[in-house]
Amino acid sequence: MDTTQLLKGVLDLAVLAVLREEDGYGYDILRRLRSAGLDEIGDASVYGTLRRLFAAGYLTTYVVPSEEGPHRKYYSLNPSGRSQLKTGGETWRGFAATMDALLESR
């Protein structure tokens, strides 16, 4: 099965989950997603997702100076983002349970 198609449907939720405990900048978020096992995620997909989630009102941003190059734009989950994460998590768990039941059927 092509996991890139699955990732398209859950990338928003994955990014929100990564930001639940700690703010992060683009490359840091990408690194955390890959460390969690989502190795096939592309850089452009994550940056596009961050822009979309910000535009939807789920994230806030702030800039932090960097000693090693350009300033970094950090993203943080705001109350709307936390609510979306909760709702999305419930939807995902229900969907995953349905798929597990279908796959276990004989």
C-alpha atoms as a PDB file:
ATOM      1  CA  MET A   1       0.000   0.000   0.000  1.00  0.00           C
ATOM      2  CA  ASP A   2       1.248   3.479  -0.872  1.00  0.00           C
ATOM      3  CA  THR A   3       1.670   5.253   2.461  1.00  0.00           C
ATOM      4  CA  THR A   4       2.018   8.667   0.798  1.00  0.00           C
ATOM      5  CA  GLN A   5      -1.731   8.630   0.094  1.00  0.00           C
ATOM      6  CA  LEU A   6      -2.457   7.766   3.720  1.00  0.00           C
ATOM      7  CA  LEU A   7      -0.147  10.547   4.905  1.00  0.00           C
ATOM      8  CA  LYS A   8      -2.024  13.158   2.875  1.00  0.00           C
ATOM      9  CA  GLY A   9      -5.142  12.426   4.882  1.00  0.00           C
ATOM     10  CA  VAL A  10      -3.536  12.562   8.311  1.00  0.00           C
ATOM     11  CA  LEU A  11      -0.684  15.051   8.013  1.00  0.00           C
ATOM     12  CA  ASP A  12      -2.688  17.887   9.578  1.00  0.00           C
ATOM     13  CA  LEU A  13      -3.463  15.712  12.588  1.00  0.00           C
ATOM     14  CA  ALA A  14       0.148  14.509  12.843  1.00  0.00           C
ATOM     15  CA  VAL A  15       1.495  18.080  12.829  1.00  0.00           C
ATOM     16  CA  LEU A  16      -1.007  19.160  15.484  1.00  0.00           C
ATOM     17  CA  ALA A  17      -0.006  16.159  17.609  1.00  0.00           C
ATOM     18  CA  VAL A  18       3.700  16.980  17.311  1.00  0.00           C
ATOM     19  CA  LEU A  19       3.018  20.533  18.495  1.00  0.00           C
ATOM     20  CA  ARG A  20       0.853  19.448  21.438  1.00  0.00           C
ATOM     21  CA  GLU A  21       3.696  19.410  23.984  1.00  0.00           C
ATOM     22  CA  GLU A  22       6.308  21.686  22.453  1.00  0.00           C
ATOM     23  CA  ASP A  23       6.418  24.542  19.919  1.00  0.00           C
ATOM     24  CA  GLY A  24       8.623  24.053  16.909  1.00  0.00           C
ATOM     25  CA  TYR A  25       9.946  25.565  13.684  1.00  0.00           C
ATOM     26  CA  GLY A  26       9.495  23.945  10.281  1.00  0.00           C
ATOM     27  CA  TYR A  27      12.567  21.731  10.102  1.00  0.00           C
ATOM     28  CA  ASP A  28      12.222  20.748  13.765  1.00  0.00           C
ATOM     29  CA  ILE A  29       8.622  19.645  13.179  1.00  0.00           C
ATOM     30  CA  LEU A  30       9.695  17.667  10.114  1.00  0.00           C
ATOM     31  CA  ARG A  31      12.464  15.992  12.135  1.00  0.00           C
ATOM     32  CA  ARG A  32      10.043  15.057  14.933  1.00  0.00           C
ATOM     33  CA  LEU A  33       7.558  13.575  12.455  1.00  0.00           C
ATOM     34  CA  ARG A  34      10.294  11.511  10.840  1.00  0.00           C
ATOM     35  CA  SER A  35      11.607  10.420  14.247  1.00  0.00           C
ATOM     36  CA  ALA A  36       8.107   9.216  15.069  1.00  0.00           C
ATOM     37  CA  GLY A  37       8.217   6.928  12.034  1.00  0.00           C
ATOM     38  CA  LEU A  38       6.693   9.066   9.281  1.00  0.00           C
ATOM     39  CA  ASP A  39       9.809   8.824   7.139  1.00  0.00           C
ATOM     40  CA  GLU A  40       8.135   9.489   3.792  1.00  0.00           C
ATOM     41  CA  ILE A  41       6.982  13.017   4.590  1.00  0.00           C
ATOM     42  CA  GLY A  42       8.446  15.633   2.297  1.00  0.00           C
ATOM     43  CA  ASP A  43       9.659  19.049   3.387  1.00  0.00           C
ATOM     44  CA  ALA A  44       7.199  20.904   1.142  1.00  0.00           C
ATOM     45  CA  SER A  45       4.263  18.929   2.523  1.00  0.00           C
ATOM     46  CA  VAL A  46       5.067  19.931   6.094  1.00  0.00           C
ATOM     47  CA  TYR A  47       5.625  23.603   5.278  1.00  0.00           C
ATOM     48  CA  GLY A  48       2.385  23.692   3.273  1.00  0.00           C
ATOM     49  CA  THR A  49       0.537  22.034   6.157  1.00  0.00           C
ATOM     50  CA  LEU A  50       1.911  24.571   8.629  1.00  0.00           C
ATOM     51  CA  ARG A  51       0.732  27.451   6.418  1.00  0.00           C
ATOM     52  CA  ARG A  52      -2.707  25.859   6.020  1.00  0.00           C
ATOM     53  CA  LEU A  53      -3.115  25.179   9.759  1.00  0.00           C
ATOM     54  CA  PHE A  54      -2.034  28.741  10.554  1.00  0.00           C
ATOM     55  CA  ALA A  55      -4.502  30.169   8.011  1.00  0.00           C
ATOM     56  CA  ALA A  56      -7.260  28.001   9.513  1.00  0.00           C
ATOM     57  CA  GLY A  57      -6.590  29.575  12.911  1.00  0.00           C
ATOM     58  CA  TYR A  58      -5.179  26.485  14.660  1.00  0.00           C
ATOM     59  CA  LEU A  59      -1.626  27.778  15.133  1.00  0.00           C
ATOM     60  CA  THR A  60       0.076  30.940  16.272  1.00  0.00           C
ATOM     61  CA  THR A  61       3.587  31.948  15.283  1.00  0.00           C
ATOM     62  CA  TYR A  62       6.491  33.888  16.702  1.00  0.00           C
ATOM     63  CA  VAL A  63      10.032  34.545  15.502  1.00  0.00           C
ATOM     64  CA  VAL A  64      13.167  33.625  17.432  1.00  0.00           C
ATOM     65  CA  PRO A  65      16.616  34.930  16.423  1.00  0.00           C
ATOM     66  CA  SER A  66      19.112  32.234  15.525  1.00  0.00           C
ATOM     67  CA  GLU A  67      22.864  32.402  15.991  1.00  0.00           C
ATOM     68  CA  GLU A  68      23.326  29.872  13.178  1.00  0.00           C
ATOM     69  CA  GLY A  69      21.508  31.597  10.325  1.00  0.00           C
ATOM     70  CA  PRO A  70      18.200  33.296   9.639  1.00  0.00           C
ATOM     71  CA  HIS A  71      15.575  33.820  12.319  1.00  0.00           C
ATOM     72  CA  ARG A  72      13.287  30.855  12.940  1.00  0.00           C
ATOM     73  CA  LYS A  73       9.525  31.033  12.751  1.00  0.00           C
ATOM     74  CA  TYR A  74       8.076  28.919  15.550  1.00  0.00           C
ATOM     75  CA  TYR A  75       4.577  27.472  15.509  1.00  0.00           C
ATOM     76  CA  SER A  76       2.488  26.778  18.577  1.00  0.00           C
ATOM     77  CA  LEU A  77      -0.877  25.173  19.129  1.00  0.00           C
ATOM     78  CA  ASN A  78      -3.550  27.639  20.234  1.00  0.00           C
ATOM     79  CA  PRO A  79      -6.900  26.725  21.893  1.00  0.00           C
ATOM     80  CA  SER A  80      -8.580  26.204  18.503  1.00  0.00           C
ATOM     81  CA  GLY A  81      -5.727  23.915  17.482  1.00  0.00           C
ATOM     82  CA  ARG A  82      -6.035  21.916  20.699  1.00  0.00           C
ATOM     83  CA  SER A  83      -9.753  21.523  20.072  1.00  0.00           C
ATOM     84  CA  GLN A  84      -9.096  20.421  16.482  1.00  0.00           C
ATOM     85  CA  LEU A  85      -6.490  17.937  17.719  1.00  0.00           C
ATOM     86  CA  LYS A  86      -8.985  16.463  20.173  1.00  0.00           C
ATOM     87  CA  THR A  87     -11.743  16.198  17.550  1.00  0.00           C
ATOM     88  CA  GLY A  88      -9.353  14.848  14.915  1.00  0.00           C
ATOM     89  CA  GLY A  89      -7.973  12.283  17.354  1.00  0.00           C
ATOM     90  CA  GLU A  90     -11.468  11.029  18.148  1.00  0.00           C
ATOM     91  CA  THR A  91     -12.282  10.782  14.436  1.00  0.00           C
ATOM     92  CA  TRP A  92      -9.005   8.959  13.746  1.00  0.00           C
ATOM     93  CA  ARG A  93      -9.516   6.455  16.565  1.00  0.00           C
ATOM     94  CA  GLY A  94     -13.034   5.690  15.315  1.00  0.00           C
ATOM     95  CA  PHE A  95     -11.819   5.269  11.741  1.00  0.00           C
ATOM     96  CA  ALA A  96      -8.871   3.104  12.818  1.00  0.00           C
ATOM     97  CA  ALA A  97     -11.193   0.888  14.889  1.00  0.00           C
ATOM     98  CA  THR A  98     -13.477   0.450  11.879  1.00  0.00           C
ATOM     99  CA  MET A  99     -10.541  -0.471   9.641  1.00  0.00           C
ATOM    100  CA  ASP A 100      -9.167  -2.880  12.261  1.00  0.00           C
ATOM    101  CA  ALA A 101     -12.574  -4.593  12.425  1.00  0.00           C
ATOM    102  CA  LEU A 102     -12.763  -4.829   8.638  1.00  0.00           C
ATOM    103  CA  LEU A 103      -9.278  -6.238   8.353  1.00  0.00           C
ATOM    104  CA  GLU A 104      -9.941  -8.804  11.089  1.00  0.00           C
ATOM    105  CA  SER A 105     -13.184  -9.978   9.444  1.00  0.00           C
ATOM    106  CA  ARG A 106     -13.096 -13.333   7.739  1.00  0.00           C
END
